Amino acid sequence: MKITRAMELIATSRIARAQQRVTAAQPYTRKMNEVIRNVAAASGGASHPLLEARPERTAGVLVVTSDRGLAGAYNINVMRLAELRMIDLVRSGTDVRVYVVGKKAHSYFRYRGYQIQQAFLGVTDTPGYGDARAVANVLMNDFAEGTIDTVEVFTTRYVSALTQTASTWTLLPIAPPLTPEGIDAAGPVGYTYEPSPDAILGRLLPRYVEASAFGILLEASASEHAARRRAMKAATENADELTRVLSRQGNQARQAEITTEISEIVGGAEALTRG
C-alpha cells in the first residue's frame, strides 16, 4: 500500500505538467493547419510525396504505448485495437509493417511473432520534440521510398484526467486540412510567397508530420500518467480494504483462541475442584 500510494502521488504530480504541455502544443498545431490549408489552396493542387495517395499494398502501423506497466488497461486497449486492425489488413491481402513506441508494445508484438521494423524506447515518460522528429523521419522516409503506402497511428487520446480513449487516425498520406465551420468562405488568407507556394509547402509538410507526431506523444504521455494514477489509487484502496479485512480476521482468530484457552482453564479448575 505504501508503494502504490507513492506511485499515485508521483503520477499525480506529473499529470499537471503533461497536461500543460498538451495545451501549449495545440496553438502551434492549429496555426500549422491554417497555414498549410491556405498555402495548399494557393498552390493550385501542388504535388508532394507526402500527399501522394496510392493503392494500399503495404500498410505501416505505429503503436504508441508506455515503457512501464502498472497503468491499468492503458496499454492493452491500444494494443488490442492495433492488433485487430492488423488482422483485418492481413486477411485482405495487405502486408503490414509494425512500428512501436514504448517497451510494452515492443514486447507484446514481438512475443506474438510480428516483425518490428523500428522501436522507439524510453521516450513515453517525458517526450521531447526531438523524439517526435525521430519517429516522423523514419515514417516519412519509408513512405517516400514506397516501403509503406499508408501510416495508421494507434494511441490514446487524452480527453481529461478521468477519460482517455484508445483511438486511431491516418498520419500518411497527409490529407489537406479542411476549412473549419464558421470560417469566412471568401477564400484563403492573402500571403506573399517567396520563393513559391510549392516550395513552401514542401518545407511545411514535414514540419506538419513532426508536429502531429509530437502531439501524439504528448497526449499519450498525459494519458499514461492519468491511467497510472487511477490504477494506483484503486490499488491503494484495495490494499487498505484488504488490511481492514485481515485485521478483522486476525482479531476474530485471536478472540477465538483466547476464548478457547479460558474455557480450558475453567474446565481444568472444575475438574480439580471435583477431584
C-alpha atoms as a PDB file:
ATOM      1  CA  MET A   1       0.000   0.000   0.000  1.00  0.00           C
ATOM      2  CA  LYS A   2       2.882   2.374   0.704  1.00  0.00           C
ATOM      3  CA  ILE A   3       4.377   1.657  -2.715  1.00  0.00           C
ATOM      4  CA  THR A   4       1.124   2.141  -4.619  1.00  0.00           C
ATOM      5  CA  ARG A   5       0.377   5.300  -2.644  1.00  0.00           C
ATOM      6  CA  ALA A   6       3.786   6.720  -3.554  1.00  0.00           C
ATOM      7  CA  MET A   7       3.256   5.851  -7.228  1.00  0.00           C
ATOM      8  CA  GLU A   8      -0.148   7.512  -7.142  1.00  0.00           C
ATOM      9  CA  LEU A   9       1.371  10.734  -5.794  1.00  0.00           C
ATOM     10  CA  ILE A  10       4.155  10.672  -8.393  1.00  0.00           C
ATOM     11  CA  ALA A  11       1.682  10.184 -11.250  1.00  0.00           C
ATOM     12  CA  THR A  12      -0.496  12.975  -9.862  1.00  0.00           C
ATOM     13  CA  SER A  13       2.438  15.371  -9.839  1.00  0.00           C
ATOM     14  CA  ARG A  14       3.279  14.513 -13.460  1.00  0.00           C
ATOM     15  CA  ILE A  15      -0.242  14.839 -14.859  1.00  0.00           C
ATOM     16  CA  ALA A  16      -0.341  18.612 -14.451  1.00  0.00           C
ATOM     17  CA  ARG A  17       2.927  19.075 -16.318  1.00  0.00           C
ATOM     18  CA  ALA A  18       1.899  16.685 -19.095  1.00  0.00           C
ATOM     19  CA  GLN A  19      -1.467  18.397 -19.474  1.00  0.00           C
ATOM     20  CA  GLN A  20       0.232  21.800 -19.705  1.00  0.00           C
ATOM     21  CA  ARG A  21       2.474  20.509 -22.498  1.00  0.00           C
ATOM     22  CA  VAL A  22      -0.522  19.178 -24.420  1.00  0.00           C
ATOM     23  CA  THR A  23      -2.295  22.541 -24.095  1.00  0.00           C
ATOM     24  CA  ALA A  24       0.822  24.503 -25.039  1.00  0.00           C
ATOM     25  CA  ALA A  25       1.345  22.493 -28.238  1.00  0.00           C
ATOM     26  CA  GLN A  26      -2.190  22.978 -29.552  1.00  0.00           C
ATOM     27  CA  PRO A  27      -1.858  26.609 -30.818  1.00  0.00           C
ATOM     28  CA  TYR A  28       1.158  25.642 -32.946  1.00  0.00           C
ATOM     29  CA  THR A  29      -0.728  22.721 -34.478  1.00  0.00           C
ATOM     30  CA  ARG A  30      -3.778  24.874 -35.201  1.00  0.00           C
ATOM     31  CA  LYS A  31      -1.693  27.565 -36.876  1.00  0.00           C
ATOM     32  CA  MET A  32       0.208  24.955 -38.881  1.00  0.00           C
ATOM     33  CA  ASN A  33      -3.105  23.547 -40.144  1.00  0.00           C
ATOM     34  CA  GLU A  34      -4.244  27.027 -41.114  1.00  0.00           C
ATOM     35  CA  VAL A  35      -1.050  27.846 -42.996  1.00  0.00           C
ATOM     36  CA  ILE A  36      -0.991  24.519 -44.848  1.00  0.00           C
ATOM     37  CA  ARG A  37      -4.644  24.929 -45.793  1.00  0.00           C
ATOM     38  CA  ASN A  38      -4.048  28.398 -47.224  1.00  0.00           C
ATOM     39  CA  VAL A  39      -0.795  27.511 -48.972  1.00  0.00           C
ATOM     40  CA  ALA A  40      -2.343  24.374 -50.479  1.00  0.00           C
ATOM     41  CA  ALA A  41      -5.247  26.433 -51.787  1.00  0.00           C
ATOM     42  CA  ALA A  42      -2.876  28.997 -53.313  1.00  0.00           C
ATOM     43  CA  SER A  43      -0.633  26.370 -54.890  1.00  0.00           C
ATOM     44  CA  GLY A  44      -3.463  25.072 -57.022  1.00  0.00           C
ATOM     45  CA  GLY A  45      -3.182  21.370 -56.270  1.00  0.00           C
ATOM     46  CA  ALA A  46       0.538  21.064 -55.632  1.00  0.00           C
ATOM     47  CA  SER A  47       2.081  17.604 -55.617  1.00  0.00           C
ATOM     48  CA  HIS A  48       4.370  16.293 -52.904  1.00  0.00           C
ATOM     49  CA  PRO A  49       5.474  12.760 -51.953  1.00  0.00           C
ATOM     50  CA  LEU A  50       3.746  13.077 -48.568  1.00  0.00           C
ATOM     51  CA  LEU A  51       0.445  13.949 -50.272  1.00  0.00           C
ATOM     52  CA  GLU A  52       0.525  11.020 -52.690  1.00  0.00           C
ATOM     53  CA  ALA A  53      -2.351   8.587 -52.211  1.00  0.00           C
ATOM     54  CA  ARG A  54      -1.617   5.204 -53.744  1.00  0.00           C
ATOM     55  CA  PRO A  55      -3.058   1.674 -53.529  1.00  0.00           C
ATOM     56  CA  GLU A  56      -2.516   0.155 -50.109  1.00  0.00           C
ATOM     57  CA  ARG A  57      -0.217  -2.793 -50.719  1.00  0.00           C
ATOM     58  CA  THR A  58       1.874  -2.351 -47.564  1.00  0.00           C
ATOM     59  CA  ALA A  59       0.430  -0.635 -44.501  1.00  0.00           C
ATOM     60  CA  GLY A  60       2.546   0.939 -41.790  1.00  0.00           C
ATOM     61  CA  VAL A  61       1.135   0.635 -38.275  1.00  0.00           C
ATOM     62  CA  LEU A  62       2.520   2.810 -35.460  1.00  0.00           C
ATOM     63  CA  VAL A  63       1.507   1.702 -31.956  1.00  0.00           C
ATOM     64  CA  VAL A  64       2.171   4.100 -29.056  1.00  0.00           C
ATOM     65  CA  THR A  65       2.248   2.614 -25.547  1.00  0.00           C
ATOM     66  CA  SER A  66       4.240   3.152 -22.356  1.00  0.00           C
ATOM     67  CA  ASP A  67       7.640   1.895 -21.281  1.00  0.00           C
ATOM     68  CA  ARG A  68       6.384   0.917 -17.819  1.00  0.00           C
ATOM     69  CA  GLY A  69       3.363  -1.002 -16.616  1.00  0.00           C
ATOM     70  CA  LEU A  70       1.045  -0.585 -13.629  1.00  0.00           C
ATOM     71  CA  ALA A  71      -1.220   1.708 -15.658  1.00  0.00           C
ATOM     72  CA  GLY A  72      -4.412  -0.327 -15.711  1.00  0.00           C
ATOM     73  CA  ALA A  73      -5.844  -1.025 -19.167  1.00  0.00           C
ATOM     74  CA  TYR A  74      -3.949   1.844 -20.806  1.00  0.00           C
ATOM     75  CA  ASN A  75      -1.590  -0.327 -22.855  1.00  0.00           C
ATOM     76  CA  ILE A  76      -3.787  -3.318 -23.600  1.00  0.00           C
ATOM     77  CA  ASN A  77      -6.608  -1.197 -25.046  1.00  0.00           C
ATOM     78  CA  VAL A  78      -4.298   0.328 -27.658  1.00  0.00           C
ATOM     79  CA  MET A  79      -2.521  -2.927 -28.484  1.00  0.00           C
ATOM     80  CA  ARG A  80      -5.776  -4.836 -28.962  1.00  0.00           C
ATOM     81  CA  LEU A  81      -7.147  -2.105 -31.210  1.00  0.00           C
ATOM     82  CA  ALA A  82      -3.972  -2.195 -33.310  1.00  0.00           C
ATOM     83  CA  GLU A  83      -3.876  -5.992 -33.453  1.00  0.00           C
ATOM     84  CA  LEU A  84      -7.476  -6.220 -34.669  1.00  0.00           C
ATOM     85  CA  ARG A  85      -6.667  -3.765 -37.433  1.00  0.00           C
ATOM     86  CA  MET A  86      -3.548  -5.708 -38.431  1.00  0.00           C
ATOM     87  CA  ILE A  87      -5.535  -8.946 -38.577  1.00  0.00           C
ATOM     88  CA  ASP A  88      -8.036  -7.275 -40.917  1.00  0.00           C
ATOM     89  CA  LEU A  89      -5.227  -5.955 -43.124  1.00  0.00           C
ATOM     90  CA  VAL A  90      -3.567  -9.374 -43.374  1.00  0.00           C
ATOM     91  CA  ARG A  91      -6.884 -11.032 -44.235  1.00  0.00           C
ATOM     92  CA  SER A  92      -7.419  -8.518 -47.034  1.00  0.00           C
ATOM     93  CA  GLY A  93      -4.006  -9.362 -48.525  1.00  0.00           C
ATOM     94  CA  THR A  94      -2.166  -6.247 -47.321  1.00  0.00           C
ATOM     95  CA  ASP A  95       1.325  -6.547 -45.920  1.00  0.00           C
ATOM     96  CA  VAL A  96       1.892  -4.926 -42.514  1.00  0.00           C
ATOM     97  CA  ARG A  97       4.996  -3.213 -41.173  1.00  0.00           C
ATOM     98  CA  VAL A  98       4.898  -2.539 -37.436  1.00  0.00           C
ATOM     99  CA  TYR A  99       6.496   0.460 -35.717  1.00  0.00           C
ATOM    100  CA  VAL A 100       6.236   0.748 -31.943  1.00  0.00           C
ATOM    101  CA  VAL A 101       6.785   3.404 -29.308  1.00  0.00           C
ATOM    102  CA  GLY A 102       7.229   2.010 -25.798  1.00  0.00           C
ATOM    103  CA  LYS A 103       8.537  -1.239 -24.353  1.00  0.00           C
ATOM    104  CA  LYS A 104       5.079  -2.667 -23.722  1.00  0.00           C
ATOM    105  CA  ALA A 105       4.096  -2.668 -27.399  1.00  0.00           C
ATOM    106  CA  HIS A 106       7.557  -3.909 -28.375  1.00  0.00           C
ATOM    107  CA  SER A 107       7.293  -6.926 -26.032  1.00  0.00           C
ATOM    108  CA  TYR A 108       3.656  -7.622 -26.899  1.00  0.00           C
ATOM    109  CA  PHE A 109       4.042  -7.791 -30.679  1.00  0.00           C
ATOM    110  CA  ARG A 110       7.438  -9.451 -30.646  1.00  0.00           C
ATOM    111  CA  TYR A 111       6.048 -12.236 -28.426  1.00  0.00           C
ATOM    112  CA  ARG A 112       3.207 -12.759 -30.914  1.00  0.00           C
ATOM    113  CA  GLY A 113       5.555 -13.155 -33.841  1.00  0.00           C
ATOM    114  CA  TYR A 114       5.198  -9.764 -35.518  1.00  0.00           C
ATOM    115  CA  GLN A 115       8.313  -8.332 -37.121  1.00  0.00           C
ATOM    116  CA  ILE A 116       9.121  -4.973 -35.551  1.00  0.00           C
ATOM    117  CA  GLN A 117      10.544  -2.611 -38.168  1.00  0.00           C
ATOM    118  CA  GLN A 118      11.530   0.134 -35.724  1.00  0.00           C
ATOM    119  CA  ALA A 119      11.158   0.541 -31.968  1.00  0.00           C
ATOM    120  CA  PHE A 120      11.421   3.813 -30.050  1.00  0.00           C
ATOM    121  CA  LEU A 121      12.006   3.118 -26.369  1.00  0.00           C
ATOM    122  CA  GLY A 122      12.460   5.339 -23.353  1.00  0.00           C
ATOM    123  CA  VAL A 123      10.534   8.328 -24.743  1.00  0.00           C
ATOM    124  CA  THR A 124       6.995   7.994 -23.374  1.00  0.00           C
ATOM    125  CA  ASP A 125       7.519   9.420 -19.887  1.00  0.00           C
ATOM    126  CA  THR A 126       8.531  12.939 -20.948  1.00  0.00           C
ATOM    127  CA  PRO A 127       8.673  13.024 -24.759  1.00  0.00           C
ATOM    128  CA  GLY A 128      10.571  15.821 -26.465  1.00  0.00           C
ATOM    129  CA  TYR A 129      10.286  17.308 -29.929  1.00  0.00           C
ATOM    130  CA  GLY A 130      13.472  15.509 -30.915  1.00  0.00           C
ATOM    131  CA  ASP A 131      11.784  12.183 -30.155  1.00  0.00           C
ATOM    132  CA  ALA A 132       8.817  13.154 -32.334  1.00  0.00           C
ATOM    133  CA  ARG A 133      11.174  14.183 -35.140  1.00  0.00           C
ATOM    134  CA  ALA A 134      12.946  10.813 -34.974  1.00  0.00           C
ATOM    135  CA  VAL A 135       9.648   8.938 -35.241  1.00  0.00           C
ATOM    136  CA  ALA A 136       8.356  11.173 -38.038  1.00  0.00           C
ATOM    137  CA  ASN A 137      11.563  10.938 -40.062  1.00  0.00           C
ATOM    138  CA  VAL A 138      11.518   7.136 -40.088  1.00  0.00           C
ATOM    139  CA  LEU A 139       7.878   7.053 -41.192  1.00  0.00           C
ATOM    140  CA  MET A 140       8.305   9.777 -43.824  1.00  0.00           C
ATOM    141  CA  ASN A 141      11.409   8.137 -45.299  1.00  0.00           C
ATOM    142  CA  ASP A 142       9.709   4.740 -45.592  1.00  0.00           C
ATOM    143  CA  PHE A 143       6.601   6.351 -47.089  1.00  0.00           C
ATOM    144  CA  ALA A 144       8.587   8.431 -49.612  1.00  0.00           C
ATOM    145  CA  GLU A 145      10.632   5.398 -50.656  1.00  0.00           C
ATOM    146  CA  GLY A 146       7.490   3.348 -51.253  1.00  0.00           C
ATOM    147  CA  THR A 147       8.251   0.852 -48.496  1.00  0.00           C
ATOM    148  CA  ILE A 148       4.831   1.599 -46.993  1.00  0.00           C
ATOM    149  CA  ASP A 149       1.782   3.120 -48.660  1.00  0.00           C
ATOM    150  CA  THR A 150      -0.045   4.385 -45.562  1.00  0.00           C
ATOM    151  CA  VAL A 151       0.678   5.035 -41.895  1.00  0.00           C
ATOM    152  CA  GLU A 152      -2.005   4.445 -39.274  1.00  0.00           C
ATOM    153  CA  VAL A 153      -1.335   5.523 -35.705  1.00  0.00           C
ATOM    154  CA  PHE A 154      -2.838   3.720 -32.706  1.00  0.00           C
ATOM    155  CA  THR A 155      -2.535   5.655 -29.486  1.00  0.00           C
ATOM    156  CA  THR A 156      -4.541   7.045 -26.570  1.00  0.00           C
ATOM    157  CA  ARG A 157      -6.318  10.373 -26.841  1.00  0.00           C
ATOM    158  CA  TYR A 158      -6.268  12.474 -23.675  1.00  0.00           C
ATOM    159  CA  VAL A 159      -9.771  13.846 -23.043  1.00  0.00           C
ATOM    160  CA  SER A 160      -9.494  14.629 -19.341  1.00  0.00           C
ATOM    161  CA  ALA A 161      -7.843  13.335 -16.199  1.00  0.00           C
ATOM    162  CA  LEU A 162     -10.669  10.792 -15.915  1.00  0.00           C
ATOM    163  CA  THR A 163     -11.190   9.936 -19.581  1.00  0.00           C
ATOM    164  CA  GLN A 164      -8.642   8.567 -22.045  1.00  0.00           C
ATOM    165  CA  THR A 165      -9.745   6.725 -25.173  1.00  0.00           C
ATOM    166  CA  ALA A 166      -7.806   4.426 -27.495  1.00  0.00           C
ATOM    167  CA  SER A 167      -8.033   5.910 -30.975  1.00  0.00           C
ATOM    168  CA  THR A 168      -6.594   5.686 -34.472  1.00  0.00           C
ATOM    169  CA  TRP A 169      -6.123   8.002 -37.423  1.00  0.00           C
ATOM    170  CA  THR A 170      -4.178   8.128 -40.657  1.00  0.00           C
ATOM    171  CA  LEU A 171      -0.909  10.076 -40.462  1.00  0.00           C
ATOM    172  CA  LEU A 172       0.296   9.452 -44.027  1.00  0.00           C
ATOM    173  CA  PRO A 173      -0.545  10.320 -46.724  1.00  0.00           C
ATOM    174  CA  ILE A 174      -1.343  13.815 -45.489  1.00  0.00           C
ATOM    175  CA  ALA A 175      -4.918  14.881 -46.108  1.00  0.00           C
ATOM    176  CA  PRO A 176      -5.157  18.661 -46.673  1.00  0.00           C
ATOM    177  CA  PRO A 177      -6.814  20.218 -43.594  1.00  0.00           C
ATOM    178  CA  LEU A 178     -10.426  21.168 -44.141  1.00  0.00           C
ATOM    179  CA  THR A 179     -11.750  24.660 -43.548  1.00  0.00           C
ATOM    180  CA  PRO A 180     -13.375  24.718 -40.090  1.00  0.00           C
ATOM    181  CA  GLU A 181     -17.025  25.669 -39.790  1.00  0.00           C
ATOM    182  CA  GLY A 182     -17.567  29.320 -39.054  1.00  0.00           C
ATOM    183  CA  ILE A 183     -14.534  30.496 -41.051  1.00  0.00           C
ATOM    184  CA  ASP A 184     -15.247  33.051 -43.748  1.00  0.00           C
ATOM    185  CA  ALA A 185     -15.549  31.200 -47.039  1.00  0.00           C
ATOM    186  CA  ALA A 186     -14.335  34.209 -49.047  1.00  0.00           C
ATOM    187  CA  GLY A 187     -11.035  32.457 -49.649  1.00  0.00           C
ATOM    188  CA  PRO A 188      -7.607  31.816 -48.106  1.00  0.00           C
ATOM    189  CA  VAL A 189      -5.574  34.466 -46.337  1.00  0.00           C
ATOM    190  CA  GLY A 190      -3.632  36.600 -48.800  1.00  0.00           C
ATOM    191  CA  TYR A 191       0.047  35.648 -48.432  1.00  0.00           C
ATOM    192  CA  THR A 192       3.047  36.816 -50.424  1.00  0.00           C
ATOM    193  CA  TYR A 193       5.039  33.704 -51.310  1.00  0.00           C
ATOM    194  CA  GLU A 194       8.786  33.528 -51.629  1.00  0.00           C
ATOM    195  CA  PRO A 195      10.070  31.512 -53.418  1.00  0.00           C
ATOM    196  CA  SER A 196       6.783  29.781 -54.360  1.00  0.00           C
ATOM    197  CA  PRO A 197       3.777  28.077 -52.750  1.00  0.00           C
ATOM    198  CA  ASP A 198       5.018  24.652 -53.891  1.00  0.00           C
ATOM    199  CA  ALA A 199       8.438  25.135 -52.314  1.00  0.00           C
ATOM    200  CA  ILE A 200       6.957  26.454 -49.091  1.00  0.00           C
ATOM    201  CA  LEU A 201       4.509  23.567 -48.919  1.00  0.00           C
ATOM    202  CA  GLY A 202       7.409  21.163 -49.402  1.00  0.00           C
ATOM    203  CA  ARG A 203       9.075  22.647 -46.331  1.00  0.00           C
ATOM    204  CA  LEU A 204       5.910  22.801 -44.235  1.00  0.00           C
ATOM    205  CA  LEU A 205       4.602  19.279 -44.766  1.00  0.00           C
ATOM    206  CA  PRO A 206       7.494  17.513 -42.943  1.00  0.00           C
ATOM    207  CA  ARG A 207       7.110  20.001 -40.085  1.00  0.00           C
ATOM    208  CA  TYR A 208       3.403  19.216 -40.034  1.00  0.00           C
ATOM    209  CA  VAL A 209       4.101  15.475 -39.677  1.00  0.00           C
ATOM    210  CA  GLU A 210       6.615  16.182 -36.898  1.00  0.00           C
ATOM    211  CA  ALA A 211       4.120  18.396 -35.059  1.00  0.00           C
ATOM    212  CA  SER A 212       1.446  15.714 -35.398  1.00  0.00           C
ATOM    213  CA  ALA A 213       3.819  13.074 -34.016  1.00  0.00           C
ATOM    214  CA  PHE A 214       4.732  15.387 -31.146  1.00  0.00           C
ATOM    215  CA  GLY A 215       1.075  15.923 -30.287  1.00  0.00           C
ATOM    216  CA  ILE A 216       0.529  12.159 -30.363  1.00  0.00           C
ATOM    217  CA  LEU A 217       3.388  11.553 -27.932  1.00  0.00           C
ATOM    218  CA  LEU A 218       2.251  14.342 -25.600  1.00  0.00           C
ATOM    219  CA  GLU A 219      -1.319  13.064 -25.405  1.00  0.00           C
ATOM    220  CA  ALA A 220      -0.089   9.508 -24.894  1.00  0.00           C
ATOM    221  CA  SER A 221       2.183  10.642 -22.054  1.00  0.00           C
ATOM    222  CA  ALA A 222      -0.618  12.549 -20.324  1.00  0.00           C
ATOM    223  CA  SER A 223      -2.951   9.582 -20.757  1.00  0.00           C
ATOM    224  CA  GLU A 224      -0.338   7.223 -19.314  1.00  0.00           C
ATOM    225  CA  HIS A 225       0.121   9.284 -16.154  1.00  0.00           C
ATOM    226  CA  ALA A 226      -3.635   9.701 -15.703  1.00  0.00           C
ATOM    227  CA  ALA A 227      -4.234   5.971 -16.157  1.00  0.00           C
ATOM    228  CA  ARG A 228      -1.420   5.104 -13.746  1.00  0.00           C
ATOM    229  CA  ARG A 229      -2.763   7.458 -11.089  1.00  0.00           C
ATOM    230  CA  ARG A 230      -6.214   5.913 -11.377  1.00  0.00           C
ATOM    231  CA  ALA A 231      -4.809   2.379 -11.250  1.00  0.00           C
ATOM    232  CA  MET A 232      -2.586   3.113  -8.263  1.00  0.00           C
ATOM    233  CA  LYS A 233      -5.425   4.843  -6.424  1.00  0.00           C
ATOM    234  CA  ALA A 234      -7.576   1.748  -6.888  1.00  0.00           C
ATOM    235  CA  ALA A 235      -4.683  -0.480  -5.774  1.00  0.00           C
ATOM    236  CA  THR A 236      -4.154   1.649  -2.666  1.00  0.00           C
ATOM    237  CA  GLU A 237      -7.832   1.463  -1.767  1.00  0.00           C
ATOM    238  CA  ASN A 238      -7.857  -2.303  -2.335  1.00  0.00           C
ATOM    239  CA  ALA A 239      -4.786  -2.716  -0.134  1.00  0.00           C
ATOM    240  CA  ASP A 240      -6.399  -0.617   2.592  1.00  0.00           C
ATOM    241  CA  GLU A 241      -9.578  -2.713   2.398  1.00  0.00           C
ATOM    242  CA  LEU A 242      -7.518  -5.919   2.496  1.00  0.00           C
ATOM    243  CA  THR A 243      -5.707  -4.615   5.580  1.00  0.00           C
ATOM    244  CA  ARG A 244      -9.018  -3.999   7.342  1.00  0.00           C
ATOM    245  CA  VAL A 245     -10.349  -7.439   6.371  1.00  0.00           C
ATOM    246  CA  LEU A 246      -7.201  -9.232   7.516  1.00  0.00           C
ATOM    247  CA  SER A 247      -7.083  -7.219  10.749  1.00  0.00           C
ATOM    248  CA  ARG A 248     -10.687  -8.173  11.492  1.00  0.00           C
ATOM    249  CA  GLN A 249      -9.985 -11.829  10.722  1.00  0.00           C
ATOM    250  CA  GLY A 250      -6.874 -11.701  12.903  1.00  0.00           C
ATOM    251  CA  ASN A 251      -8.807 -10.162  15.779  1.00  0.00           C
ATOM    252  CA  GLN A 252     -11.520 -12.783  15.440  1.00  0.00           C
ATOM    253  CA  ALA A 253      -8.965 -15.597  15.431  1.00  0.00           C
ATOM    254  CA  ARG A 254      -7.189 -14.109  18.451  1.00  0.00           C
ATOM    255  CA  GLN A 255     -10.504 -13.720  20.301  1.00  0.00           C
ATOM    256  CA  ALA A 256     -11.445 -17.310  19.480  1.00  0.00           C
ATOM    257  CA  GLU A 257      -8.063 -18.532  20.761  1.00  0.00           C
ATOM    258  CA  ILE A 258      -8.451 -16.555  23.993  1.00  0.00           C
ATOM    259  CA  THR A 259     -11.976 -17.917  24.479  1.00  0.00           C
ATOM    260  CA  THR A 260     -10.696 -21.472  23.943  1.00  0.00           C
ATOM    261  CA  GLU A 261      -7.892 -21.012  26.494  1.00  0.00           C
ATOM    262  CA  ILE A 262     -10.306 -19.565  29.067  1.00  0.00           C
ATOM    263  CA  SER A 263     -12.673 -22.489  28.545  1.00  0.00           C
ATOM    264  CA  GLU A 264      -9.811 -24.951  29.036  1.00  0.00           C
ATOM    265  CA  ILE A 265      -8.695 -23.206  32.246  1.00  0.00           C
ATOM    266  CA  VAL A 266     -12.219 -23.128  33.640  1.00  0.00           C
ATOM    267  CA  GLY A 267     -12.727 -26.795  32.740  1.00  0.00           C
ATOM    268  CA  GLY A 268      -9.439 -27.754  34.390  1.00  0.00           C
ATOM    269  CA  ALA A 269     -10.324 -25.802  37.538  1.00  0.00           C
ATOM    270  CA  GLU A 270     -13.682 -27.528  37.817  1.00  0.00           C
ATOM    271  CA  ALA A 271     -12.042 -30.933  37.349  1.00  0.00           C
ATOM    272  CA  LEU A 272      -9.585 -30.188  40.182  1.00  0.00           C
ATOM    273  CA  THR A 273     -12.386 -28.991  42.435  1.00  0.00           C
ATOM    274  CA  ARG A 274     -14.405 -32.165  41.895  1.00  0.00           C
ATOM    275  CA  GLY A 275     -11.315 -34.277  42.475  1.00  0.00           C
END
